[in-house]
Amino acid sequence: MTNDTLSLKMNRRTLLGLGASAAAVAACPALAQGSDKPIRLILPISAGSGVDTIARAAAPALGKAFGQPVVIENLPGAGGITGAAAIVKAAPDGLTLGMVSNNHVINPAVFRKMPFDAINDITPISVVGATPLVLLANPKLPAKNVPELVALLRAKPGAYNYASSGNGTILHLAGEMFMDEAGVKARHIPYKGTGPMVTDMIGGQVELGVVALPAVQQHIRSGTLRAIGLCGAQRSPAAPDVATIAEQGLPNYAVEGWFAVIGPAKMQPADVLRVHDAVVAAFNSAEVREAMDKQGNVVRPTTSEQAASYFRSEAARYAALVKKANVVVE
């Protein structure tokens, strides 16, 4: 799956429908008619994480677009399952939404038991945008680019380590995907979060790892970590001098962190359109786009139909990788 999936052209009928719903939002901004209740935006991750930073930067503009205050609620736990379960169980009235990432569609393949169906028990609103991921190395590693790294790993199979923020996370699977595409081996070292893994990469306890670009730009600039290549299909405006892994000899390699807005299943079509238009208006606002640019994120909202299709394709993609890498979390 390439980034083109997220930029599919909407047909004329969809555009007309979205335009009509946008007018409806402008005429009557409160999502639930006659309600002064705030919009509850559940984040299935801890405060301070990437998606949390994104949501909090967009919250004022979201409140303006909805015509109602937006209250962010962090519900971390079980790799995002705790928070997602709260979204699934909420009333489908448009007053409870969630912002999720890749892990939402990865979890069904990783965890033996799931308390809900990650695809069928939600209403996709929009895959709002993406966060670039980057393959990093400790600068003492004798490899400065993808060809040199592949040669090094092939010469010494399993002799080097790559870190992740935990078993079954997108950072873990991005590393597994690289090893698979390059036909090389390295030992996986899971950490409890991005912070500890980055610290150990800088210290040399582990040699390699995939991390969200916004979290490590300062380390790349200072030289405490070396950027081997960007993981996405295209270069990032936040690091235009860093070539993609695909450019460097692995043309089928493309993965990024994405963030999406969802609601409970069985939301009414009119509510889905209203929520969609409010989300798109907020993230397309000048202040939110500026904040996303500073964070290194890319805004490219999809329709709800495109989001549903993307969720299914991403779930299938990661399920195949998880099975191949034998990744299971009890």
C-alpha atoms as a PDB file:
ATOM      1  CA  MET A   1       0.000   0.000   0.000  1.00  0.00           C
ATOM      2  CA  THR A   2       1.449   3.395  -1.005  1.00  0.00           C
ATOM      3  CA  ASN A   3       0.660   6.916   0.103  1.00  0.00           C
ATOM      4  CA  ASP A   4      -1.424   7.276  -3.080  1.00  0.00           C
ATOM      5  CA  THR A   5      -4.169   5.354  -1.247  1.00  0.00           C
ATOM      6  CA  LEU A   6      -4.628   8.350   1.029  1.00  0.00           C
ATOM      7  CA  SER A   7      -4.934  10.839  -1.828  1.00  0.00           C
ATOM      8  CA  LEU A   8      -7.593   9.165  -4.000  1.00  0.00           C
ATOM      9  CA  LYS A   9      -9.661  11.648  -5.958  1.00  0.00           C
ATOM     10  CA  MET A  10     -13.205  12.026  -4.777  1.00  0.00           C
ATOM     11  CA  ASN A  11     -15.833  11.750  -7.475  1.00  0.00           C
ATOM     12  CA  ARG A  12     -18.151  14.603  -8.337  1.00  0.00           C
ATOM     13  CA  ARG A  13     -21.059  13.207  -6.329  1.00  0.00           C
ATOM     14  CA  THR A  14     -18.891  12.885  -3.186  1.00  0.00           C
ATOM     15  CA  LEU A  15     -17.603  16.421  -3.597  1.00  0.00           C
ATOM     16  CA  LEU A  16     -21.119  17.771  -3.971  1.00  0.00           C
ATOM     17  CA  GLY A  17     -22.227  15.827  -0.902  1.00  0.00           C
ATOM     18  CA  LEU A  18     -19.343  17.104   1.188  1.00  0.00           C
ATOM     19  CA  GLY A  19     -19.969  20.641   0.016  1.00  0.00           C
ATOM     20  CA  ALA A  20     -23.618  20.394   1.030  1.00  0.00           C
ATOM     21  CA  SER A  21     -22.719  18.981   4.421  1.00  0.00           C
ATOM     22  CA  ALA A  22     -20.133  21.706   4.947  1.00  0.00           C
ATOM     23  CA  ALA A  23     -22.860  24.272   4.372  1.00  0.00           C
ATOM     24  CA  ALA A  24     -25.011  22.461   6.910  1.00  0.00           C
ATOM     25  CA  VAL A  25     -22.226  22.648   9.477  1.00  0.00           C
ATOM     26  CA  ALA A  26     -21.787  26.361   8.855  1.00  0.00           C
ATOM     27  CA  ALA A  27     -25.498  26.934   9.239  1.00  0.00           C
ATOM     28  CA  CYS A  28     -25.800  24.821  12.366  1.00  0.00           C
ATOM     29  CA  PRO A  29     -22.349  24.182  13.890  1.00  0.00           C
ATOM     30  CA  ALA A  30     -23.426  22.175  16.943  1.00  0.00           C
ATOM     31  CA  LEU A  31     -23.036  18.513  16.018  1.00  0.00           C
ATOM     32  CA  ALA A  32     -25.833  17.150  18.161  1.00  0.00           C
ATOM     33  CA  GLN A  33     -28.705  19.490  17.510  1.00  0.00           C
ATOM     34  CA  GLY A  34     -29.926  21.169  20.671  1.00  0.00           C
ATOM     35  CA  SER A  35     -26.974  19.844  22.679  1.00  0.00           C
ATOM     36  CA  ASP A  36     -24.451  21.979  24.527  1.00  0.00           C
ATOM     37  CA  LYS A  37     -22.412  18.943  25.553  1.00  0.00           C
ATOM     38  CA  PRO A  38     -18.715  18.941  24.652  1.00  0.00           C
ATOM     39  CA  ILE A  39     -17.225  16.605  22.085  1.00  0.00           C
ATOM     40  CA  ARG A  40     -15.288  13.866  23.878  1.00  0.00           C
ATOM     41  CA  LEU A  41     -12.132  12.968  21.941  1.00  0.00           C
ATOM     42  CA  ILE A  42     -10.618   9.751  23.313  1.00  0.00           C
ATOM     43  CA  LEU A  43      -6.928   9.051  22.731  1.00  0.00           C
ATOM     44  CA  PRO A  44      -5.900   5.434  23.407  1.00  0.00           C
ATOM     45  CA  ILE A  45      -2.370   6.588  24.242  1.00  0.00           C
ATOM     46  CA  SER A  46      -0.533   8.436  27.016  1.00  0.00           C
ATOM     47  CA  ALA A  47      -0.275  12.206  27.275  1.00  0.00           C
ATOM     48  CA  GLY A  48       2.796  13.576  25.528  1.00  0.00           C
ATOM     49  CA  SER A  49       2.890  10.955  22.772  1.00  0.00           C
ATOM     50  CA  GLY A  50       2.801  11.826  19.083  1.00  0.00           C
ATOM     51  CA  VAL A  51      -0.955  11.478  18.561  1.00  0.00           C
ATOM     52  CA  ASP A  52      -1.598  13.323  21.831  1.00  0.00           C
ATOM     53  CA  THR A  53       0.525  16.252  20.632  1.00  0.00           C
ATOM     54  CA  ILE A  54      -1.370  16.292  17.346  1.00  0.00           C
ATOM     55  CA  ALA A  55      -4.797  16.206  19.008  1.00  0.00           C
ATOM     56  CA  ARG A  56      -3.982  18.953  21.498  1.00  0.00           C
ATOM     57  CA  ALA A  57      -2.616  21.218  18.776  1.00  0.00           C
ATOM     58  CA  ALA A  58      -5.848  20.762  16.811  1.00  0.00           C
ATOM     59  CA  ALA A  59      -8.304  20.911  19.738  1.00  0.00           C
ATOM     60  CA  PRO A  60      -9.057  24.678  19.625  1.00  0.00           C
ATOM     61  CA  ALA A  61      -9.711  24.565  15.868  1.00  0.00           C
ATOM     62  CA  LEU A  62     -11.807  21.419  16.282  1.00  0.00           C
ATOM     63  CA  GLY A  63     -13.926  23.153  18.909  1.00  0.00           C
ATOM     64  CA  LYS A  64     -14.442  26.097  16.586  1.00  0.00           C
ATOM     65  CA  ALA A  65     -15.386  23.833  13.668  1.00  0.00           C
ATOM     66  CA  PHE A  66     -17.806  21.786  15.772  1.00  0.00           C
ATOM     67  CA  GLY A  67     -19.290  24.803  17.503  1.00  0.00           C
ATOM     68  CA  GLN A  68     -18.797  22.880  20.759  1.00  0.00           C
ATOM     69  CA  PRO A  69     -15.834  22.491  23.113  1.00  0.00           C
ATOM     70  CA  VAL A  70     -13.600  19.466  22.560  1.00  0.00           C
ATOM     71  CA  VAL A  71     -12.408  17.616  25.646  1.00  0.00           C
ATOM     72  CA  ILE A  72      -9.416  15.315  25.175  1.00  0.00           C
ATOM     73  CA  GLU A  73      -9.360  12.174  27.288  1.00  0.00           C
ATOM     74  CA  ASN A  74      -6.280   9.937  27.413  1.00  0.00           C
ATOM     75  CA  LEU A  75      -7.120   6.278  28.008  1.00  0.00           C
ATOM     76  CA  PRO A  76      -3.861   4.337  27.491  1.00  0.00           C
ATOM     77  CA  GLY A  77      -3.400   0.643  28.148  1.00  0.00           C
ATOM     78  CA  ALA A  78      -3.030  -2.726  26.419  1.00  0.00           C
ATOM     79  CA  GLY A  79      -1.421  -1.251  23.324  1.00  0.00           C
ATOM     80  CA  GLY A  80      -4.354   1.066  22.687  1.00  0.00           C
ATOM     81  CA  ILE A  81      -7.095  -1.499  23.256  1.00  0.00           C
ATOM     82  CA  THR A  82      -8.387   0.149  26.450  1.00  0.00           C
ATOM     83  CA  GLY A  83      -9.078   3.483  24.807  1.00  0.00           C
ATOM     84  CA  ALA A  84     -10.424   1.966  21.613  1.00  0.00           C
ATOM     85  CA  ALA A  85     -12.842  -0.147  23.652  1.00  0.00           C
ATOM     86  CA  ALA A  86     -14.233   3.034  25.210  1.00  0.00           C
ATOM     87  CA  ILE A  87     -14.791   4.510  21.755  1.00  0.00           C
ATOM     88  CA  VAL A  88     -16.529   1.359  20.544  1.00  0.00           C
ATOM     89  CA  LYS A  89     -18.866   1.269  23.563  1.00  0.00           C
ATOM     90  CA  ALA A  90     -19.915   4.926  23.322  1.00  0.00           C
ATOM     91  CA  ALA A  91     -23.284   6.063  21.998  1.00  0.00           C
ATOM     92  CA  PRO A  92     -23.111   6.649  18.205  1.00  0.00           C
ATOM     93  CA  ASP A  93     -24.376  10.225  18.519  1.00  0.00           C
ATOM     94  CA  GLY A  94     -21.262  12.020  17.299  1.00  0.00           C
ATOM     95  CA  LEU A  95     -20.408  13.286  20.772  1.00  0.00           C
ATOM     96  CA  THR A  96     -17.717  10.662  21.412  1.00  0.00           C
ATOM     97  CA  LEU A  97     -14.907  10.292  18.912  1.00  0.00           C
ATOM     98  CA  GLY A  98     -11.405   8.898  18.972  1.00  0.00           C
ATOM     99  CA  MET A  99      -8.049   9.591  17.370  1.00  0.00           C
ATOM    100  CA  VAL A 100      -6.138   6.400  16.613  1.00  0.00           C
ATOM    101  CA  SER A 101      -2.971   5.370  14.782  1.00  0.00           C
ATOM    102  CA  ASN A 102      -1.569   2.301  12.999  1.00  0.00           C
ATOM    103  CA  ASN A 103      -1.756   0.232  16.178  1.00  0.00           C
ATOM    104  CA  HIS A 104      -5.544   0.183  15.948  1.00  0.00           C
ATOM    105  CA  VAL A 105      -5.404  -2.101  12.898  1.00  0.00           C
ATOM    106  CA  ILE A 106      -2.236  -3.915  14.008  1.00  0.00           C
ATOM    107  CA  ASN A 107      -3.621  -5.095  17.351  1.00  0.00           C
ATOM    108  CA  PRO A 108      -6.030  -7.751  15.999  1.00  0.00           C
ATOM    109  CA  ALA A 109      -3.077  -9.579  14.444  1.00  0.00           C
ATOM    110  CA  VAL A 110      -0.840  -9.201  17.509  1.00  0.00           C
ATOM    111  CA  PHE A 111      -3.136  -9.922  20.456  1.00  0.00           C
ATOM    112  CA  ARG A 112      -4.673 -13.370  20.844  1.00  0.00           C
ATOM    113  CA  LYS A 113      -7.913 -11.926  22.245  1.00  0.00           C
ATOM    114  CA  MET A 114      -9.643  -8.681  21.304  1.00  0.00           C
ATOM    115  CA  PRO A 115     -12.745  -7.344  23.107  1.00  0.00           C
ATOM    116  CA  PHE A 116     -14.072  -5.790  19.893  1.00  0.00           C
ATOM    117  CA  ASP A 117     -13.722  -5.889  16.106  1.00  0.00           C
ATOM    118  CA  ALA A 118     -11.282  -3.131  15.137  1.00  0.00           C
ATOM    119  CA  ILE A 119     -12.817  -2.795  11.672  1.00  0.00           C
ATOM    120  CA  ASN A 120     -16.539  -3.500  12.061  1.00  0.00           C
ATOM    121  CA  ASP A 121     -17.168  -1.977  15.499  1.00  0.00           C
ATOM    122  CA  ILE A 122     -16.144   1.546  14.484  1.00  0.00           C
ATOM    123  CA  THR A 123     -17.225   4.275  12.078  1.00  0.00           C
ATOM    124  CA  PRO A 124     -14.209   5.584  10.143  1.00  0.00           C
ATOM    125  CA  ILE A 125     -14.341   9.368   9.800  1.00  0.00           C
ATOM    126  CA  SER A 126     -11.028  10.271   8.153  1.00  0.00           C
ATOM    127  CA  VAL A 127      -7.403   9.240   8.001  1.00  0.00           C
ATOM    128  CA  VAL A 128      -6.331  12.804   8.691  1.00  0.00           C
ATOM    129  CA  GLY A 129      -2.620  12.670   8.013  1.00  0.00           C
ATOM    130  CA  ALA A 130       0.706  11.015   8.618  1.00  0.00           C
ATOM    131  CA  THR A 131       3.889  11.206  10.641  1.00  0.00           C
ATOM    132  CA  PRO A 132       7.123  10.321   8.808  1.00  0.00           C
ATOM    133  CA  LEU A 133       9.174   7.484  10.252  1.00  0.00           C
ATOM    134  CA  VAL A 134      12.941   7.290   9.929  1.00  0.00           C
ATOM    135  CA  LEU A 135      15.440   4.426  10.198  1.00  0.00           C
ATOM    136  CA  LEU A 136      18.217   5.545  12.535  1.00  0.00           C
ATOM    137  CA  ALA A 137      21.625   4.251  13.520  1.00  0.00           C
ATOM    138  CA  ASN A 138      24.126   5.023  16.230  1.00  0.00           C
ATOM    139  CA  PRO A 139      26.793   7.132  14.454  1.00  0.00           C
ATOM    140  CA  LYS A 140      29.517   4.642  15.413  1.00  0.00           C
ATOM    141  CA  LEU A 141      27.897   1.992  13.227  1.00  0.00           C
ATOM    142  CA  PRO A 142      29.985   1.690  10.041  1.00  0.00           C
ATOM    143  CA  ALA A 143      27.055   2.323   7.703  1.00  0.00           C
ATOM    144  CA  LYS A 144      25.846   5.694   6.468  1.00  0.00           C
ATOM    145  CA  ASN A 145      23.091   4.658   4.068  1.00  0.00           C
ATOM    146  CA  VAL A 146      20.866   1.745   3.116  1.00  0.00           C
ATOM    147  CA  PRO A 147      23.296  -0.079   0.766  1.00  0.00           C
ATOM    148  CA  GLU A 148      26.058   0.086   3.384  1.00  0.00           C
ATOM    149  CA  LEU A 149      23.700  -1.066   6.146  1.00  0.00           C
ATOM    150  CA  VAL A 150      22.399  -3.987   4.082  1.00  0.00           C
ATOM    151  CA  ALA A 151      25.956  -5.054   3.278  1.00  0.00           C
ATOM    152  CA  LEU A 152      26.906  -4.857   6.954  1.00  0.00           C
ATOM    153  CA  LEU A 153      23.915  -6.899   8.118  1.00  0.00           C
ATOM    154  CA  ARG A 154      24.427  -9.496   5.403  1.00  0.00           C
ATOM    155  CA  ALA A 155      28.080  -9.890   6.390  1.00  0.00           C
ATOM    156  CA  LYS A 156      27.156 -10.510  10.042  1.00  0.00           C
ATOM    157  CA  PRO A 157      23.610 -11.984  10.265  1.00  0.00           C
ATOM    158  CA  GLY A 158      22.097 -11.445  13.696  1.00  0.00           C
ATOM    159  CA  ALA A 159      25.166  -9.668  15.061  1.00  0.00           C
ATOM    160  CA  TYR A 160      23.439  -6.275  15.400  1.00  0.00           C
ATOM    161  CA  ASN A 161      20.378  -5.107  17.340  1.00  0.00           C
ATOM    162  CA  TYR A 162      17.417  -3.003  16.351  1.00  0.00           C
ATOM    163  CA  ALA A 163      15.186  -1.370  18.941  1.00  0.00           C
ATOM    164  CA  SER A 164      11.454  -0.716  19.003  1.00  0.00           C
ATOM    165  CA  SER A 165       8.949   0.880  21.363  1.00  0.00           C
ATOM    166  CA  GLY A 166       7.463  -2.549  22.100  1.00  0.00           C
ATOM    167  CA  ASN A 167       6.427  -5.864  20.574  1.00  0.00           C
ATOM    168  CA  GLY A 168       3.843  -5.466  17.842  1.00  0.00           C
ATOM    169  CA  THR A 169       4.068  -1.671  17.598  1.00  0.00           C
ATOM    170  CA  ILE A 170       4.345   0.109  14.282  1.00  0.00           C
ATOM    171  CA  LEU A 171       8.015   0.830  15.036  1.00  0.00           C
ATOM    172  CA  HIS A 172       8.640  -2.885  15.566  1.00  0.00           C
ATOM    173  CA  LEU A 173       6.859  -3.847  12.359  1.00  0.00           C
ATOM    174  CA  ALA A 174       8.626  -1.125  10.383  1.00  0.00           C
ATOM    175  CA  GLY A 175      11.915  -2.699  11.458  1.00  0.00           C
ATOM    176  CA  GLU A 176      10.673  -6.185  10.589  1.00  0.00           C
ATOM    177  CA  MET A 177       9.545  -4.906   7.212  1.00  0.00           C
ATOM    178  CA  PHE A 178      13.019  -3.529   6.507  1.00  0.00           C
ATOM    179  CA  MET A 179      14.699  -6.809   7.441  1.00  0.00           C
ATOM    180  CA  ASP A 180      12.253  -8.713   5.250  1.00  0.00           C
ATOM    181  CA  GLU A 181      12.626  -6.443   2.217  1.00  0.00           C
ATOM    182  CA  ALA A 182      16.429  -6.376   2.483  1.00  0.00           C
ATOM    183  CA  GLY A 183      16.744 -10.093   3.231  1.00  0.00           C
ATOM    184  CA  VAL A 184      18.852  -9.475   6.341  1.00  0.00           C
ATOM    185  CA  LYS A 185      18.666 -10.329  10.034  1.00  0.00           C
ATOM    186  CA  ALA A 186      19.127  -8.365  13.253  1.00  0.00           C
ATOM    187  CA  ARG A 187      18.042  -8.997  16.850  1.00  0.00           C
ATOM    188  CA  HIS A 188      14.888  -7.212  17.980  1.00  0.00           C
ATOM    189  CA  ILE A 189      15.135  -5.432  21.351  1.00  0.00           C
ATOM    190  CA  PRO A 190      11.708  -4.183  22.551  1.00  0.00           C
ATOM    191  CA  TYR A 191      11.480  -1.221  24.919  1.00  0.00           C
ATOM    192  CA  LYS A 192       8.598   0.238  26.910  1.00  0.00           C
ATOM    193  CA  GLY A 193       8.201   3.389  24.878  1.00  0.00           C
ATOM    194  CA  THR A 194      10.166   5.538  22.454  1.00  0.00           C
ATOM    195  CA  GLY A 195      12.127   7.536  25.057  1.00  0.00           C
ATOM    196  CA  PRO A 196      14.148   4.632  26.502  1.00  0.00           C
ATOM    197  CA  MET A 197      14.936   3.175  23.079  1.00  0.00           C
ATOM    198  CA  VAL A 198      16.221   6.510  21.754  1.00  0.00           C
ATOM    199  CA  THR A 199      18.371   6.953  24.875  1.00  0.00           C
ATOM    200  CA  ASP A 200      19.965   3.540  24.364  1.00  0.00           C
ATOM    201  CA  MET A 201      20.464   4.135  20.652  1.00  0.00           C
ATOM    202  CA  ILE A 202      22.374   7.317  21.459  1.00  0.00           C
ATOM    203  CA  GLY A 203      24.371   5.434  24.098  1.00  0.00           C
ATOM    204  CA  GLY A 204      25.197   2.603  21.714  1.00  0.00           C
ATOM    205  CA  GLN A 205      23.433  -0.171  23.634  1.00  0.00           C
ATOM    206  CA  VAL A 206      21.455  -0.829  20.443  1.00  0.00           C
ATOM    207  CA  GLU A 207      22.600   0.054  16.955  1.00  0.00           C
ATOM    208  CA  LEU A 208      19.408   0.591  14.955  1.00  0.00           C
ATOM    209  CA  GLY A 209      15.758   1.559  15.265  1.00  0.00           C
ATOM    210  CA  VAL A 210      12.801   3.156  13.517  1.00  0.00           C
ATOM    211  CA  VAL A 211      11.391   6.276  15.203  1.00  0.00           C
ATOM    212  CA  ALA A 212       8.894   9.000  14.305  1.00  0.00           C
ATOM    213  CA  LEU A 213      10.851  11.807  12.665  1.00  0.00           C
ATOM    214  CA  PRO A 214       9.453  14.648  14.847  1.00  0.00           C
ATOM    215  CA  ALA A 215      10.788  12.916  17.981  1.00  0.00           C
ATOM    216  CA  VAL A 216      14.393  12.736  16.788  1.00  0.00           C
ATOM    217  CA  GLN A 217      15.015  15.673  14.461  1.00  0.00           C
ATOM    218  CA  GLN A 218      17.212  17.392  17.043  1.00  0.00           C
ATOM    219  CA  HIS A 219      19.351  14.259  17.417  1.00  0.00           C
ATOM    220  CA  ILE A 220      19.775  13.984  13.649  1.00  0.00           C
ATOM    221  CA  ARG A 221      20.804  17.643  13.411  1.00  0.00           C
ATOM    222  CA  SER A 222      23.286  17.337  16.284  1.00  0.00           C
ATOM    223  CA  GLY A 223      24.778  14.113  14.943  1.00  0.00           C
ATOM    224  CA  THR A 224      23.992  12.046  18.032  1.00  0.00           C
ATOM    225  CA  LEU A 225      21.944   9.780  15.748  1.00  0.00           C
ATOM    226  CA  ARG A 226      22.386   9.101  12.030  1.00  0.00           C
ATOM    227  CA  ALA A 227      19.446   9.026   9.629  1.00  0.00           C
ATOM    228  CA  ILE A 228      19.858   6.000   7.344  1.00  0.00           C
ATOM    229  CA  GLY A 229      16.664   6.675   5.410  1.00  0.00           C
ATOM    230  CA  LEU A 230      13.078   7.826   5.606  1.00  0.00           C
ATOM    231  CA  CYS A 231      10.539   5.004   5.702  1.00  0.00           C
ATOM    232  CA  GLY A 232       7.786   6.648   3.659  1.00  0.00           C
ATOM    233  CA  ALA A 233       7.331   6.620  -0.099  1.00  0.00           C
ATOM    234  CA  GLN A 234       8.297  10.299  -0.341  1.00  0.00           C
ATOM    235  CA  ARG A 235      10.829  12.579   1.295  1.00  0.00           C
ATOM    236  CA  SER A 236       9.655  14.745   4.154  1.00  0.00           C
ATOM    237  CA  PRO A 237       9.638  18.560   3.982  1.00  0.00           C
ATOM    238  CA  ALA A 238      10.881  18.432   7.593  1.00  0.00           C
ATOM    239  CA  ALA A 239      14.049  16.601   6.481  1.00  0.00           C
ATOM    240  CA  PRO A 240      14.390  17.114   2.722  1.00  0.00           C
ATOM    241  CA  ASP A 241      18.036  15.984   2.639  1.00  0.00           C
ATOM    242  CA  VAL A 242      17.242  12.526   4.020  1.00  0.00           C
ATOM    243  CA  ALA A 243      16.629  10.093   1.177  1.00  0.00           C
ATOM    244  CA  THR A 244      13.902   7.487   1.423  1.00  0.00           C
ATOM    245  CA  ILE A 245      14.737   3.824   1.891  1.00  0.00           C
ATOM    246  CA  ALA A 246      12.907   3.166  -1.382  1.00  0.00           C
ATOM    247  CA  GLU A 247      15.239   5.564  -3.202  1.00  0.00           C
ATOM    248  CA  GLN A 248      18.224   3.675  -1.837  1.00  0.00           C
ATOM    249  CA  GLY A 249      17.544   0.283  -3.342  1.00  0.00           C
ATOM    250  CA  LEU A 250      14.423  -1.128  -1.628  1.00  0.00           C
ATOM    251  CA  PRO A 251      11.648   0.199  -3.915  1.00  0.00           C
ATOM    252  CA  ASN A 252       8.842  -1.779  -2.254  1.00  0.00           C
ATOM    253  CA  TYR A 253       9.564  -0.460   1.233  1.00  0.00           C
ATOM    254  CA  ALA A 254       7.061   2.174   2.382  1.00  0.00           C
ATOM    255  CA  VAL A 255       5.578   2.646   5.833  1.00  0.00           C
ATOM    256  CA  GLU A 256       4.532   5.658   7.865  1.00  0.00           C
ATOM    257  CA  GLY A 257       2.733   6.499  11.048  1.00  0.00           C
ATOM    258  CA  TRP A 258      -0.780   7.738  10.384  1.00  0.00           C
ATOM    259  CA  PHE A 259      -3.486   9.269  12.561  1.00  0.00           C
ATOM    260  CA  ALA A 260      -7.212   8.969  12.028  1.00  0.00           C
ATOM    261  CA  VAL A 261     -10.498  10.061  13.591  1.00  0.00           C
ATOM    262  CA  ILE A 262     -13.096   7.371  14.237  1.00  0.00           C
ATOM    263  CA  GLY A 263     -16.429   7.038  16.023  1.00  0.00           C
ATOM    264  CA  PRO A 264     -18.518   4.154  17.347  1.00  0.00           C
ATOM    265  CA  ALA A 265     -20.265   1.888  14.865  1.00  0.00           C
ATOM    266  CA  LYS A 266     -23.749   2.752  13.576  1.00  0.00           C
ATOM    267  CA  MET A 267     -23.313   6.522  13.426  1.00  0.00           C
ATOM    268  CA  GLN A 268     -25.943   8.142  11.224  1.00  0.00           C
ATOM    269  CA  PRO A 269     -24.666   9.171   7.760  1.00  0.00           C
ATOM    270  CA  ALA A 270     -25.565  12.811   8.391  1.00  0.00           C
ATOM    271  CA  ASP A 271     -23.529  12.802  11.609  1.00  0.00           C
ATOM    272  CA  VAL A 272     -20.595  11.158   9.838  1.00  0.00           C
ATOM    273  CA  LEU A 273     -20.591  13.915   7.223  1.00  0.00           C
ATOM    274  CA  ARG A 274     -20.846  16.652   9.844  1.00  0.00           C
ATOM    275  CA  VAL A 275     -17.996  15.218  11.880  1.00  0.00           C
ATOM    276  CA  HIS A 276     -15.913  14.666   8.763  1.00  0.00           C
ATOM    277  CA  ASP A 277     -16.369  18.222   7.567  1.00  0.00           C
ATOM    278  CA  ALA A 278     -15.547  19.671  10.991  1.00  0.00           C
ATOM    279  CA  VAL A 279     -12.385  17.572  11.254  1.00  0.00           C
ATOM    280  CA  VAL A 280     -11.248  18.521   7.745  1.00  0.00           C
ATOM    281  CA  ALA A 281     -11.999  22.205   8.351  1.00  0.00           C
ATOM    282  CA  ALA A 282     -10.007  22.156  11.590  1.00  0.00           C
ATOM    283  CA  PHE A 283      -6.956  20.394  10.171  1.00  0.00           C
ATOM    284  CA  ASN A 284      -6.979  22.539   7.036  1.00  0.00           C
ATOM    285  CA  SER A 285      -7.034  25.730   9.109  1.00  0.00           C
ATOM    286  CA  ALA A 286      -3.907  27.868   8.932  1.00  0.00           C
ATOM    287  CA  GLU A 287      -3.089  27.507  12.630  1.00  0.00           C
ATOM    288  CA  VAL A 288      -3.324  23.716  12.658  1.00  0.00           C
ATOM    289  CA  ARG A 289      -1.401  23.302   9.408  1.00  0.00           C
ATOM    290  CA  GLU A 290       1.335  25.528  10.834  1.00  0.00           C
ATOM    291  CA  ALA A 291       1.428  23.414  14.005  1.00  0.00           C
ATOM    292  CA  MET A 292       1.571  20.192  11.974  1.00  0.00           C
ATOM    293  CA  ASP A 293       4.383  21.580   9.812  1.00  0.00           C
ATOM    294  CA  LYS A 294       6.394  22.451  12.912  1.00  0.00           C
ATOM    295  CA  GLN A 295       5.843  18.950  14.285  1.00  0.00           C
ATOM    296  CA  GLY A 296       6.894  17.394  10.978  1.00  0.00           C
ATOM    297  CA  ASN A 297       3.473  15.897  10.298  1.00  0.00           C
ATOM    298  CA  VAL A 298       1.603  15.874   6.981  1.00  0.00           C
ATOM    299  CA  VAL A 299      -2.111  16.751   6.715  1.00  0.00           C
ATOM    300  CA  ARG A 300      -4.027  14.973   3.928  1.00  0.00           C
ATOM    301  CA  PRO A 301      -7.568  14.073   5.054  1.00  0.00           C
ATOM    302  CA  THR A 302      -9.490  11.289   3.353  1.00  0.00           C
ATOM    303  CA  THR A 303     -13.217  10.725   3.032  1.00  0.00           C
ATOM    304  CA  SER A 304     -14.880   8.296   5.425  1.00  0.00           C
ATOM    305  CA  GLU A 305     -15.186   5.760   2.586  1.00  0.00           C
ATOM    306  CA  GLN A 306     -11.490   6.035   1.803  1.00  0.00           C
ATOM    307  CA  ALA A 307     -10.667   5.675   5.501  1.00  0.00           C
ATOM    308  CA  ALA A 308     -12.709   2.460   5.725  1.00  0.00           C
ATOM    309  CA  SER A 309     -10.921   0.994   2.714  1.00  0.00           C
ATOM    310  CA  TYR A 310      -7.524   2.059   4.051  1.00  0.00           C
ATOM    311  CA  PHE A 311      -8.174   0.488   7.456  1.00  0.00           C
ATOM    312  CA  ARG A 312      -8.998  -2.834   5.798  1.00  0.00           C
ATOM    313  CA  SER A 313      -5.946  -2.802   3.534  1.00  0.00           C
ATOM    314  CA  GLU A 314      -3.597  -1.789   6.353  1.00  0.00           C
ATOM    315  CA  ALA A 315      -5.027  -4.491   8.640  1.00  0.00           C
ATOM    316  CA  ALA A 316      -4.399  -7.136   5.981  1.00  0.00           C
ATOM    317  CA  ARG A 317      -0.923  -5.835   5.286  1.00  0.00           C
ATOM    318  CA  TYR A 318       0.172  -5.889   8.915  1.00  0.00           C
ATOM    319  CA  ALA A 319      -1.515  -9.224   9.609  1.00  0.00           C
ATOM    320  CA  ALA A 320       0.618 -10.824   6.903  1.00  0.00           C
ATOM    321  CA  LEU A 321       3.789  -9.279   8.324  1.00  0.00           C
ATOM    322  CA  VAL A 322       2.924 -10.241  11.903  1.00  0.00           C
ATOM    323  CA  LYS A 323       2.335 -13.848  10.824  1.00  0.00           C
ATOM    324  CA  LYS A 324       5.578 -13.973   8.875  1.00  0.00           C
ATOM    325  CA  ALA A 325       7.592 -12.495  11.765  1.00  0.00           C
ATOM    326  CA  ASN A 326       5.710 -14.646  14.344  1.00  0.00           C
ATOM    327  CA  VAL A 327       4.879 -11.611  16.495  1.00  0.00           C
ATOM    328  CA  VAL A 328       2.337 -12.381  19.219  1.00  0.00           C
ATOM    329  CA  VAL A 329       1.576 -10.520  22.446  1.00  0.00           C
ATOM    330  CA  GLU A 330      -0.299 -12.506  25.084  1.00  0.00           C
END
